[in-house]
Amino acid sequence: MPVKGRVEVTEKYCKACGLCVAACPQSVLSLAMDRLNSKGYHPAELIAAGCTGCGICAIVCPEAAIEVYRELAKAAQPVQER
C-alpha cells in the first residue's frame, strides 16, 4: 500500500537555510522565491506531489519549522465471491 505524505512549514520559523530542500529524497521541497516571511527569508514550501512522509526534512530542520504527516492510501476493496 503506497504512503502519501504532507509537509507543513511554519513560515515564521523558517530561515531559508535550504537543508530540507537538499535532504528531500523526492525533490518536492523548494524555497518560495515569490514571497518572504516576517523575518525577510524565503520560506520552504511543498512544490510537487510525491511526498512520501519520510520525515527527513523535519529531522534536518534546525529551527523545527517543519511538520510531516503520513497517510496510508486507501487500498482497493477485495472482490467478494458469492
PDB file of N, CA and C in Angstrom:
ATOM      1  N   MET A   1       0.844  -1.167   0.000  1.00  0.00           N
ATOM      2  CA  MET A   1       0.000   0.000   0.000  1.00  0.00           C
ATOM      3  C   MET A   1       0.899   1.244   0.000  1.00  0.00           C
ATOM      4  N   PRO A   2       0.777   2.119  -0.996  1.00  0.00           N
ATOM      5  CA  PRO A   2       1.637   3.305  -1.049  1.00  0.00           C
ATOM      6  C   PRO A   2       1.301   4.299   0.060  1.00  0.00           C
ATOM      7  N   VAL A   3       2.310   5.023   0.480  1.00  0.00           N
ATOM      8  CA  VAL A   3       2.146   6.010   1.535  1.00  0.00           C
ATOM      9  C   VAL A   3       2.164   7.395   0.912  1.00  0.00           C
ATOM     10  N   LYS A   4       1.305   8.259   1.401  1.00  0.00           N
ATOM     11  CA  LYS A   4       1.248   9.630   0.928  1.00  0.00           C
ATOM     12  C   LYS A   4       1.612  10.531   2.097  1.00  0.00           C
ATOM     13  N   GLY A   5       2.411  11.543   1.814  1.00  0.00           N
ATOM     14  CA  GLY A   5       2.819  12.447   2.874  1.00  0.00           C
ATOM     15  C   GLY A   5       2.392  13.875   2.608  1.00  0.00           C
ATOM     16  N   ARG A   6       2.442  14.641   3.666  1.00  0.00           N
ATOM     17  CA  ARG A   6       2.098  16.060   3.586  1.00  0.00           C
ATOM     18  C   ARG A   6       3.056  16.800   4.503  1.00  0.00           C
ATOM     19  N   VAL A   7       3.570  17.921   4.033  1.00  0.00           N
ATOM     20  CA  VAL A   7       4.519  18.728   4.796  1.00  0.00           C
ATOM     21  C   VAL A   7       3.889  20.079   5.101  1.00  0.00           C
ATOM     22  N   GLU A   8       4.009  20.515   6.343  1.00  0.00           N
ATOM     23  CA  GLU A   8       3.568  21.858   6.724  1.00  0.00           C
ATOM     24  C   GLU A   8       4.766  22.595   7.293  1.00  0.00           C
ATOM     25  N   VAL A   9       5.043  23.760   6.716  1.00  0.00           N
ATOM     26  CA  VAL A   9       6.151  24.590   7.172  1.00  0.00           C
ATOM     27  C   VAL A   9       5.586  25.776   7.938  1.00  0.00           C
ATOM     28  N   THR A  10       6.049  25.971   9.168  1.00  0.00           N
ATOM     29  CA  THR A  10       5.670  27.148   9.938  1.00  0.00           C
ATOM     30  C   THR A  10       6.601  28.264   9.463  1.00  0.00           C
ATOM     31  N   GLU A  11       6.091  29.084   8.557  1.00  0.00           N
ATOM     32  CA  GLU A  11       6.916  30.057   7.857  1.00  0.00           C
ATOM     33  C   GLU A  11       7.629  31.043   8.773  1.00  0.00           C
ATOM     34  N   LYS A  12       7.015  31.391   9.894  1.00  0.00           N
ATOM     35  CA  LYS A  12       7.650  32.391  10.762  1.00  0.00           C
ATOM     36  C   LYS A  12       8.938  31.874  11.397  1.00  0.00           C
ATOM     37  N   TYR A  13       9.134  30.549  11.434  1.00  0.00           N
ATOM     38  CA  TYR A  13      10.360  29.975  11.993  1.00  0.00           C
ATOM     39  C   TYR A  13      11.407  29.655  10.926  1.00  0.00           C
ATOM     40  N   CYS A  14      10.998  29.527   9.677  1.00  0.00           N
ATOM     41  CA  CYS A  14      11.902  29.123   8.595  1.00  0.00           C
ATOM     42  C   CYS A  14      12.904  30.242   8.294  1.00  0.00           C
ATOM     43  N   LYS A  15      14.198  29.876   8.232  1.00  0.00           N
ATOM     44  CA  LYS A  15      15.259  30.839   7.922  1.00  0.00           C
ATOM     45  C   LYS A  15      15.898  30.568   6.573  1.00  0.00           C
ATOM     46  N   ALA A  16      15.220  29.827   5.714  1.00  0.00           N
ATOM     47  CA  ALA A  16      15.652  29.584   4.339  1.00  0.00           C
ATOM     48  C   ALA A  16      17.058  29.012   4.239  1.00  0.00           C
ATOM     49  N   CYS A  17      17.413  28.133   5.149  1.00  0.00           N
ATOM     50  CA  CYS A  17      18.759  27.544   5.101  1.00  0.00           C
ATOM     51  C   CYS A  17      18.897  26.560   3.944  1.00  0.00           C
ATOM     52  N   GLY A  18      17.776  25.976   3.505  1.00  0.00           N
ATOM     53  CA  GLY A  18      17.790  25.053   2.384  1.00  0.00           C
ATOM     54  C   GLY A  18      18.166  23.629   2.723  1.00  0.00           C
ATOM     55  N   LEU A  19      18.388  23.333   3.999  1.00  0.00           N
ATOM     56  CA  LEU A  19      18.748  21.963   4.376  1.00  0.00           C
ATOM     57  C   LEU A  19      17.648  20.974   4.021  1.00  0.00           C
ATOM     58  N   CYS A  20      16.405  21.351   4.219  1.00  0.00           N
ATOM     59  CA  CYS A  20      15.283  20.463   3.901  1.00  0.00           C
ATOM     60  C   CYS A  20      15.198  20.209   2.399  1.00  0.00           C
ATOM     61  N   VAL A  21      15.442  21.250   1.617  1.00  0.00           N
ATOM     62  CA  VAL A  21      15.393  21.125   0.164  1.00  0.00           C
ATOM     63  C   VAL A  21      16.469  20.149  -0.305  1.00  0.00           C
ATOM     64  N   ALA A  22      17.669  20.287   0.230  1.00  0.00           N
ATOM     65  CA  ALA A  22      18.782  19.412  -0.160  1.00  0.00           C
ATOM     66  C   ALA A  22      18.582  17.979   0.316  1.00  0.00           C
ATOM     67  N   ALA A  23      17.927  17.789   1.445  1.00  0.00           N
ATOM     68  CA  ALA A  23      17.778  16.456   2.031  1.00  0.00           C
ATOM     69  C   ALA A  23      16.593  15.672   1.482  1.00  0.00           C
ATOM     70  N   CYS A  24      15.654  16.317   0.843  1.00  0.00           N
ATOM     71  CA  CYS A  24      14.430  15.647   0.383  1.00  0.00           C
ATOM     72  C   CYS A  24      14.738  14.643  -0.725  1.00  0.00           C
ATOM     73  N   PRO A  25      14.527  13.348  -0.465  1.00  0.00           N
ATOM     74  CA  PRO A  25      14.821  12.344  -1.489  1.00  0.00           C
ATOM     75  C   PRO A  25      13.850  12.376  -2.672  1.00  0.00           C
ATOM     76  N   GLN A  26      12.693  12.974  -2.485  1.00  0.00           N
ATOM     77  CA  GLN A  26      11.692  13.052  -3.553  1.00  0.00           C
ATOM     78  C   GLN A  26      11.781  14.365  -4.340  1.00  0.00           C
ATOM     79  N   SER A  27      12.605  15.305  -3.890  1.00  0.00           N
ATOM     80  CA  SER A  27      12.773  16.620  -4.537  1.00  0.00           C
ATOM     81  C   SER A  27      11.445  17.353  -4.688  1.00  0.00           C
ATOM     82  N   VAL A  28      10.660  17.377  -3.614  1.00  0.00           N
ATOM     83  CA  VAL A  28       9.363  18.052  -3.667  1.00  0.00           C
ATOM     84  C   VAL A  28       9.323  19.313  -2.804  1.00  0.00           C
ATOM     85  N   LEU A  29      10.464  19.724  -2.267  1.00  0.00           N
ATOM     86  CA  LEU A  29      10.544  20.956  -1.480  1.00  0.00           C
ATOM     87  C   LEU A  29      11.397  21.983  -2.211  1.00  0.00           C
ATOM     88  N   SER A  30      11.058  23.239  -2.011  1.00  0.00           N
ATOM     89  CA  SER A  30      11.816  24.333  -2.597  1.00  0.00           C
ATOM     90  C   SER A  30      11.632  25.564  -1.726  1.00  0.00           C
ATOM     91  N   LEU A  31      12.508  26.542  -1.906  1.00  0.00           N
ATOM     92  CA  LEU A  31      12.312  27.815  -1.233  1.00  0.00           C
ATOM     93  C   LEU A  31      11.362  28.655  -2.070  1.00  0.00           C
ATOM     94  N   ALA A  32      10.420  29.313  -1.422  1.00  0.00           N
ATOM     95  CA  ALA A  32       9.415  30.135  -2.106  1.00  0.00           C
ATOM     96  C   ALA A  32      10.037  31.468  -2.476  1.00  0.00           C
ATOM     97  N   MET A  33      10.545  31.574  -3.686  1.00  0.00           N
ATOM     98  CA  MET A  33      11.237  32.784  -4.114  1.00  0.00           C
ATOM     99  C   MET A  33      10.278  33.936  -4.412  1.00  0.00           C
ATOM    100  N   ASP A  34       8.983  33.672  -4.403  1.00  0.00           N
ATOM    101  CA  ASP A  34       7.997  34.706  -4.703  1.00  0.00           C
ATOM    102  C   ASP A  34       7.455  35.416  -3.464  1.00  0.00           C
ATOM    103  N   ARG A  35       7.910  35.010  -2.277  1.00  0.00           N
ATOM    104  CA  ARG A  35       7.433  35.679  -1.066  1.00  0.00           C
ATOM    105  C   ARG A  35       8.481  35.594   0.037  1.00  0.00           C
ATOM    106  N   LEU A  36       8.310  36.450   1.038  1.00  0.00           N
ATOM    107  CA  LEU A  36       9.185  36.500   2.207  1.00  0.00           C
ATOM    108  C   LEU A  36       8.358  36.305   3.466  1.00  0.00           C
ATOM    109  N   ASN A  37       8.971  35.718   4.487  1.00  0.00           N
ATOM    110  CA  ASN A  37       8.276  35.630   5.769  1.00  0.00           C
ATOM    111  C   ASN A  37       8.532  36.911   6.558  1.00  0.00           C
ATOM    112  N   SER A  38       8.057  36.987   7.779  1.00  0.00           N
ATOM    113  CA  SER A  38       8.160  38.215   8.569  1.00  0.00           C
ATOM    114  C   SER A  38       9.604  38.591   8.924  1.00  0.00           C
ATOM    115  N   LYS A  39      10.525  37.623   8.814  1.00  0.00           N
ATOM    116  CA  LYS A  39      11.929  37.892   9.106  1.00  0.00           C
ATOM    117  C   LYS A  39      12.736  38.205   7.851  1.00  0.00           C
ATOM    118  N   GLY A  40      12.081  38.190   6.700  1.00  0.00           N
ATOM    119  CA  GLY A  40      12.746  38.526   5.448  1.00  0.00           C
ATOM    120  C   GLY A  40      13.379  37.356   4.722  1.00  0.00           C
ATOM    121  N   TYR A  41      12.992  36.133   5.065  1.00  0.00           N
ATOM    122  CA  TYR A  41      13.528  34.939   4.419  1.00  0.00           C
ATOM    123  C   TYR A  41      12.508  34.344   3.462  1.00  0.00           C
ATOM    124  N   HIS A  42      12.988  33.650   2.446  1.00  0.00           N
ATOM    125  CA  HIS A  42      12.122  32.894   1.539  1.00  0.00           C
ATOM    126  C   HIS A  42      11.841  31.543   2.200  1.00  0.00           C
ATOM    127  N   PRO A  43      10.635  31.293   2.654  1.00  0.00           N
ATOM    128  CA  PRO A  43      10.351  30.049   3.384  1.00  0.00           C
ATOM    129  C   PRO A  43      10.302  28.836   2.463  1.00  0.00           C
ATOM    130  N   ALA A  44      10.536  27.679   3.043  1.00  0.00           N
ATOM    131  CA  ALA A  44      10.420  26.424   2.305  1.00  0.00           C
ATOM    132  C   ALA A  44       8.950  26.126   2.070  1.00  0.00           C
ATOM    133  N   GLU A  45       8.686  25.397   0.991  1.00  0.00           N
ATOM    134  CA  GLU A  45       7.319  25.003   0.677  1.00  0.00           C
ATOM    135  C   GLU A  45       7.314  23.705  -0.116  1.00  0.00           C
ATOM    136  N   LEU A  46       6.199  23.012  -0.052  1.00  0.00           N
ATOM    137  CA  LEU A  46       5.986  21.806  -0.840  1.00  0.00           C
ATOM    138  C   LEU A  46       5.603  22.257  -2.244  1.00  0.00           C
ATOM    139  N   ILE A  47       6.359  21.813  -3.268  1.00  0.00           N
ATOM    140  CA  ILE A  47       6.118  22.314  -4.626  1.00  0.00           C
ATOM    141  C   ILE A  47       5.529  21.286  -5.577  1.00  0.00           C
ATOM    142  N   ALA A  48       5.502  20.026  -5.169  1.00  0.00           N
ATOM    143  CA  ALA A  48       5.012  18.990  -6.080  1.00  0.00           C
ATOM    144  C   ALA A  48       4.425  17.837  -5.289  1.00  0.00           C
ATOM    145  N   ALA A  49       3.613  17.054  -5.972  1.00  0.00           N
ATOM    146  CA  ALA A  49       3.102  15.827  -5.375  1.00  0.00           C
ATOM    147  C   ALA A  49       4.240  14.815  -5.327  1.00  0.00           C
ATOM    148  N   GLY A  50       4.141  13.865  -4.467  1.00  0.00           N
ATOM    149  CA  GLY A  50       5.150  12.824  -4.402  1.00  0.00           C
ATOM    150  C   GLY A  50       5.803  12.684  -3.046  1.00  0.00           C
ATOM    151  N   CYS A  51       5.403  13.520  -2.100  1.00  0.00           N
ATOM    152  CA  CYS A  51       5.937  13.410  -0.745  1.00  0.00           C
ATOM    153  C   CYS A  51       5.502  12.064  -0.168  1.00  0.00           C
ATOM    154  N   THR A  52       6.464  11.337   0.405  1.00  0.00           N
ATOM    155  CA  THR A  52       6.158  10.042   0.995  1.00  0.00           C
ATOM    156  C   THR A  52       6.009  10.120   2.507  1.00  0.00           C
ATOM    157  N   GLY A  53       6.267  11.293   3.080  1.00  0.00           N
ATOM    158  CA  GLY A  53       6.160  11.441   4.523  1.00  0.00           C
ATOM    159  C   GLY A  53       7.326  10.837   5.271  1.00  0.00           C
ATOM    160  N   CYS A  54       8.488  10.773   4.638  1.00  0.00           N
ATOM    161  CA  CYS A  54       9.646  10.128   5.269  1.00  0.00           C
ATOM    162  C   CYS A  54      10.138  10.887   6.501  1.00  0.00           C
ATOM    163  N   GLY A  55       9.937  12.203   6.533  1.00  0.00           N
ATOM    164  CA  GLY A  55      10.301  13.000   7.695  1.00  0.00           C
ATOM    165  C   GLY A  55      11.728  13.502   7.728  1.00  0.00           C
ATOM    166  N   ILE A  56      12.514  13.231   6.698  1.00  0.00           N
ATOM    167  CA  ILE A  56      13.904  13.682   6.682  1.00  0.00           C
ATOM    168  C   ILE A  56      13.983  15.201   6.759  1.00  0.00           C
ATOM    169  N   CYS A  57      13.105  15.890   6.070  1.00  0.00           N
ATOM    170  CA  CYS A  57      13.115  17.361   6.084  1.00  0.00           C
ATOM    171  C   CYS A  57      12.928  17.890   7.499  1.00  0.00           C
ATOM    172  N   ALA A  58      12.017  17.290   8.248  1.00  0.00           N
ATOM    173  CA  ALA A  58      11.765  17.734   9.623  1.00  0.00           C
ATOM    174  C   ALA A  58      12.953  17.439  10.526  1.00  0.00           C
ATOM    175  N   ILE A  59      13.631  16.329  10.284  1.00  0.00           N
ATOM    176  CA  ILE A  59      14.781  15.959  11.102  1.00  0.00           C
ATOM    177  C   ILE A  59      15.945  16.932  10.897  1.00  0.00           C
ATOM    178  N   VAL A  60      16.195  17.343   9.654  1.00  0.00           N
ATOM    179  CA  VAL A  60      17.346  18.213   9.382  1.00  0.00           C
ATOM    180  C   VAL A  60      17.061  19.691   9.635  1.00  0.00           C
ATOM    181  N   CYS A  61      15.814  20.069   9.830  1.00  0.00           N
ATOM    182  CA  CYS A  61      15.472  21.485  10.032  1.00  0.00           C
ATOM    183  C   CYS A  61      15.971  21.967  11.394  1.00  0.00           C
ATOM    184  N   PRO A  62      16.939  22.889  11.416  1.00  0.00           N
ATOM    185  CA  PRO A  62      17.482  23.357  12.692  1.00  0.00           C
ATOM    186  C   PRO A  62      16.510  24.227  13.491  1.00  0.00           C
ATOM    187  N   GLU A  63      15.477  24.727  12.852  1.00  0.00           N
ATOM    188  CA  GLU A  63      14.508  25.594  13.520  1.00  0.00           C
ATOM    189  C   GLU A  63      13.230  24.862  13.918  1.00  0.00           C
ATOM    190  N   ALA A  64      13.145  23.571  13.640  1.00  0.00           N
ATOM    191  CA  ALA A  64      11.941  22.771  13.907  1.00  0.00           C
ATOM    192  C   ALA A  64      10.704  23.430  13.300  1.00  0.00           C
ATOM    193  N   ALA A  65      10.846  23.914  12.066  1.00  0.00           N
ATOM    194  CA  ALA A  65       9.767  24.624  11.388  1.00  0.00           C
ATOM    195  C   ALA A  65       8.902  23.714  10.525  1.00  0.00           C
ATOM    196  N   ILE A  66       9.238  22.421  10.459  1.00  0.00           N
ATOM    197  CA  ILE A  66       8.541  21.514   9.551  1.00  0.00           C
ATOM    198  C   ILE A  66       7.848  20.393  10.319  1.00  0.00           C
ATOM    199  N   GLU A  67       6.593  20.161   9.950  1.00  0.00           N
ATOM    200  CA  GLU A  67       5.841  19.024  10.471  1.00  0.00           C
ATOM    201  C   GLU A  67       5.467  18.149   9.291  1.00  0.00           C
ATOM    202  N   VAL A  68       5.598  16.838   9.464  1.00  0.00           N
ATOM    203  CA  VAL A  68       5.303  15.891   8.393  1.00  0.00           C
ATOM    204  C   VAL A  68       4.166  14.989   8.840  1.00  0.00           C
ATOM    205  N   TYR A  69       3.229  14.778   7.949  1.00  0.00           N
ATOM    206  CA  TYR A  69       2.088  13.911   8.213  1.00  0.00           C
ATOM    207  C   TYR A  69       2.064  12.807   7.166  1.00  0.00           C
ATOM    208  N   ARG A  70       1.789  11.591   7.608  1.00  0.00           N
ATOM    209  CA  ARG A  70       1.707  10.452   6.700  1.00  0.00           C
ATOM    210  C   ARG A  70       0.294   9.902   6.690  1.00  0.00           C
ATOM    211  N   GLU A  71      -0.155   9.532   5.499  1.00  0.00           N
ATOM    212  CA  GLU A  71      -1.473   8.935   5.338  1.00  0.00           C
ATOM    213  C   GLU A  71      -1.322   7.671   4.516  1.00  0.00           C
ATOM    214  N   LEU A  72      -1.955   6.615   4.936  1.00  0.00           N
ATOM    215  CA  LEU A  72      -1.966   5.410   4.134  1.00  0.00           C
ATOM    216  C   LEU A  72      -3.007   5.566   3.040  1.00  0.00           C
ATOM    217  N   ALA A  73      -2.615   5.264   1.831  1.00  0.00           N
ATOM    218  CA  ALA A  73      -3.564   5.333   0.721  1.00  0.00           C
ATOM    219  C   ALA A  73      -4.596   4.225   0.907  1.00  0.00           C
ATOM    220  N   LYS A  74      -5.795   4.514   0.512  1.00  0.00           N
ATOM    221  CA  LYS A  74      -6.855   3.509   0.651  1.00  0.00           C
ATOM    222  C   LYS A  74      -6.623   2.380  -0.338  1.00  0.00           C
ATOM    223  N   ALA A  75      -6.652   1.170   0.162  1.00  0.00           N
ATOM    224  CA  ALA A  75      -6.471   0.002  -0.693  1.00  0.00           C
ATOM    225  C   ALA A  75      -7.779  -0.309  -1.410  1.00  0.00           C
ATOM    226  N   ALA A  76      -7.655  -0.900  -2.548  1.00  0.00           N
ATOM    227  CA  ALA A  76      -8.844  -1.316  -3.282  1.00  0.00           C
ATOM    228  C   ALA A  76      -9.569  -2.391  -2.476  1.00  0.00           C
ATOM    229  N   GLN A  77     -10.863  -2.308  -2.445  1.00  0.00           N
ATOM    230  CA  GLN A  77     -11.658  -3.288  -1.711  1.00  0.00           C
ATOM    231  C   GLN A  77     -11.609  -4.628  -2.439  1.00  0.00           C
ATOM    232  N   PRO A  78     -11.378  -5.716  -1.735  1.00  0.00           N
ATOM    233  CA  PRO A  78     -11.358  -7.020  -2.398  1.00  0.00           C
ATOM    234  C   PRO A  78     -12.740  -7.382  -2.925  1.00  0.00           C
ATOM    235  N   VAL A  79     -12.736  -8.082  -4.019  1.00  0.00           N
ATOM    236  CA  VAL A  79     -13.997  -8.513  -4.628  1.00  0.00           C
ATOM    237  C   VAL A  79     -14.510  -9.701  -3.835  1.00  0.00           C
ATOM    238  N   GLN A  80     -15.756  -9.623  -3.432  1.00  0.00           N
ATOM    239  CA  GLN A  80     -16.361 -10.715  -2.677  1.00  0.00           C
ATOM    240  C   GLN A  80     -16.956 -11.733  -3.632  1.00  0.00           C
ATOM    241  N   GLU A  81     -16.629 -12.997  -3.400  1.00  0.00           N
ATOM    242  CA  GLU A  81     -17.179 -14.046  -4.236  1.00  0.00           C
ATOM    243  C   GLU A  81     -18.489 -14.534  -3.630  1.00  0.00           C
ATOM    244  N   ARG A  82     -19.404 -14.935  -4.476  1.00  0.00           N
ATOM    245  CA  ARG A  82     -20.693 -15.429  -3.997  1.00  0.00           C
ATOM    246  C   ARG A  82     -20.773 -16.903  -4.132  1.00  0.00           C
TER     247      ARG A  82
END
